[in-house]
Protein backbone atom coordinates (compact mmCIF):
# COMPACT_ATOMS: atom_id res chain seq x y z
CA ASN A 1 -11.40 0.29 10.78
CA GLY A 2 -7.62 -0.08 10.57
CA LYS A 3 -7.73 -3.85 11.22
CA ALA A 4 -6.30 -6.12 8.52
CA ILE A 5 -8.12 -9.19 7.26
CA THR A 6 -6.47 -12.07 5.41
CA VAL A 7 -8.31 -14.64 3.31
CA LYS A 8 -6.27 -17.74 2.46
CA LYS A 9 -7.11 -20.06 -0.41
CA PHE A 10 -5.13 -22.93 -1.88
CA PHE A 11 -3.72 -20.92 -4.80
CA SER A 12 -3.80 -17.41 -3.30
CA ARG A 13 -3.80 -15.18 -0.25
CA GLU A 14 -5.43 -11.76 0.00
CA THR A 15 -4.83 -9.25 2.77
CA SER A 16 -6.84 -6.04 3.10
CA VAL A 17 -7.03 -3.07 5.44
CA SER A 18 -9.28 0.02 5.40
CA ILE A 19 -9.05 3.15 7.50
CA ASP A 20 -10.89 6.48 7.59
CA ILE A 21 -8.66 9.54 7.17
CA LYS A 22 -9.62 13.17 7.80
CA ALA A 23 -7.78 14.69 4.83
CA ASP A 24 -8.10 15.53 1.16
CA ALA A 25 -7.55 12.80 -1.42
CA ALA A 26 -4.81 14.98 -2.97
CA ILE A 27 -2.75 14.76 0.24
CA VAL A 28 -3.05 10.97 0.44
CA TRP A 29 -2.30 10.64 -3.29
CA THR A 30 0.82 12.78 -2.96
CA LEU A 31 2.09 10.61 -0.10
CA LEU A 32 1.38 7.39 -2.02
CA THR A 33 3.11 8.55 -5.21
CA ASP A 34 6.24 10.17 -3.71
CA ALA A 35 8.64 7.20 -3.84
CA PRO A 36 11.62 8.81 -2.04
CA GLY A 37 9.28 10.20 0.66
CA TYR A 38 7.94 6.85 1.90
CA PRO A 39 10.58 6.19 4.60
CA LYS A 40 9.88 9.63 6.10
CA TRP A 41 6.29 8.75 7.04
CA ASN A 42 5.94 4.99 6.60
CA SER A 43 7.62 2.74 9.16
CA THR A 44 7.00 -0.41 7.04
CA ILE A 45 9.02 0.77 4.02
CA ILE A 46 12.82 0.97 4.02
CA SER A 47 13.07 2.50 0.54
CA ILE A 48 11.40 2.86 -2.84
CA GLU A 49 13.48 3.68 -5.91
CA GLY A 50 11.98 4.71 -9.23
CA GLU A 51 8.92 6.69 -10.25
CA ILE A 52 5.41 5.88 -9.16
CA LYS A 53 3.58 6.68 -12.40
CA GLN A 54 1.61 4.69 -15.00
CA GLY A 55 3.92 1.96 -16.30
CA GLY A 56 6.69 3.05 -13.93
CA LYS A 57 9.10 0.52 -12.46
CA ILE A 58 10.03 0.64 -8.80
CA LYS A 59 12.33 -1.22 -6.44
CA LEU A 60 10.83 -1.57 -2.99
CA LYS A 61 12.49 -2.67 0.26
CA SER A 62 10.13 -3.56 3.11
CA THR A 63 10.69 -4.19 6.81
CA LEU A 64 8.97 -7.58 6.30
CA ASP A 65 12.02 -8.86 4.36
CA PRO A 66 14.80 -6.20 4.54
CA LYS A 67 17.28 -8.25 2.46
CA ARG A 68 14.92 -8.58 -0.49
CA VAL A 69 14.30 -5.99 -3.22
CA PHE A 70 10.87 -6.26 -4.82
CA LYS A 71 10.95 -5.24 -8.49
CA LEU A 72 7.46 -3.98 -9.25
CA LYS A 73 5.58 -2.33 -12.09
CA VAL A 74 2.90 0.32 -11.63
CA LYS A 75 -0.19 -1.27 -13.20
CA THR A 76 -2.92 1.26 -12.37
CA PHE A 77 -2.51 5.01 -11.88
CA GLU A 78 -5.80 6.91 -11.46
CA PRO A 79 -4.95 10.15 -9.64
CA GLU A 80 -6.52 10.56 -6.21
CA THR A 81 -8.55 7.35 -6.69
CA LYS A 82 -6.60 4.15 -7.40
CA LEU A 83 -2.99 2.99 -7.54
CA ALA A 84 -1.74 -0.56 -8.07
CA TRP A 85 1.67 -2.12 -8.45
CA GLY A 86 2.95 -5.65 -8.54
CA ASP A 87 4.88 -8.42 -10.19
CA GLY A 88 4.07 -11.85 -11.60
CA LYS A 89 3.18 -13.21 -8.16
CA GLY A 90 0.90 -10.49 -6.86
CA THR A 91 -0.60 -7.03 -6.94
CA ARG A 92 -1.03 -4.40 -4.23
CA THR A 93 -3.91 -1.98 -4.78
CA TYR A 94 -4.56 1.30 -3.00
CA ILE A 95 -8.05 2.82 -3.24
CA ILE A 96 -9.04 6.28 -2.01
CA THR A 97 -12.79 6.73 -1.57
CA ASN A 98 -13.90 10.31 -0.94
CA LYS A 99 -16.74 10.46 1.61
CA GLY A 100 -17.07 14.28 1.52
CA ASN A 101 -16.49 16.90 4.21
CA GLY A 102 -12.75 16.24 4.21
CA LEU A 103 -13.20 12.56 5.07
CA LEU A 104 -12.04 9.61 2.99
CA THR A 105 -11.53 5.90 3.29
CA PHE A 106 -8.18 4.42 2.34
CA THR A 107 -8.13 0.73 1.41
CA MET A 108 -5.04 -1.34 0.69
CA THR A 109 -5.34 -4.88 -0.66
CA GLU A 110 -2.65 -7.30 -1.77
CA LYS A 111 -3.41 -10.51 -3.56
CA ILE A 112 -0.61 -12.98 -4.14
CA GLY A 113 -0.90 -16.34 -5.78
CA GLY A 114 -0.76 -18.52 -8.84
CA LEU A 115 -0.31 -22.18 -9.70
CA MET A 116 2.99 -22.38 -7.80
CA PHE A 117 1.67 -20.50 -4.74
CA PRO A 118 1.18 -23.63 -2.57
CA MET A 119 4.90 -24.41 -2.94
CA TYR A 120 6.16 -21.03 -1.69
CA ALA A 121 3.27 -19.82 0.50
CA LYS A 122 4.92 -20.95 3.73
CA TYR A 123 7.88 -18.64 3.04
CA ILE A 124 5.75 -15.49 2.82
CA PRO A 125 5.28 -13.78 6.19
CA PRO A 126 1.81 -12.63 7.28
CA PHE A 127 1.02 -9.08 6.15
CA ASP A 128 -1.63 -8.17 8.75
CA LYS A 129 0.51 -6.23 11.25
CA SER A 130 2.48 -4.52 8.48
CA PHE A 131 -0.75 -3.48 6.69
CA GLU A 132 -2.22 -2.11 9.91
CA GLN A 133 0.97 -0.12 10.54
CA PHE A 134 1.06 1.17 6.94
CA ALA A 135 -2.55 2.41 7.21
CA ALA A 136 -1.95 3.98 10.63
CA ASP A 137 1.22 5.73 9.39
CA LEU A 138 -0.59 7.07 6.31
CA LYS A 139 -3.53 8.32 8.40
CA LYS A 140 -1.21 10.06 10.87
CA GLU A 141 0.88 11.82 8.19
CA ALA A 142 -2.08 12.81 5.98
CA GLU A 143 -4.00 14.25 8.96
CA ILE A 144 -0.95 16.22 10.14
CA ILE A 145 -0.60 17.75 6.65
CA TYR A 146 -4.36 18.38 6.36
CA ASN A 147 -4.52 20.11 9.75
CA THR A 148 -1.52 22.35 9.04
CA LYS A 149 -3.10 23.49 5.74
CA LYS A 150 -6.40 24.54 7.34
């Protein structure tokens, strides 16, 4: 719980993290879809510009590569359940699974790859620590909000 796992293959790499959060799915969803709000609660994101909505286009700056701007498209937008964005090289998916009694599991997975992946793979930093921090930051903020609403 909260520990990232990476599976490397020749043409792809997939990193995943899951964490239990004591909060409503609506709170987590609001945090995940509020682009300008990310830097306030998430220490792995420098900025996100644009709208996180179905078909929306965003520009994301991450602490993993602060000089680079990732131009991403929102591919999946299922309120309080599933959100995915990505580009031609990969997709990041967020899944909220409601376990009842104000408990949910948040899972974040990113799969990157393609035919050219072996040529650029060595330039992509490991995501594990960043994913663990993202999940921990989300859990902390969502639980603070949940506990102040009780």
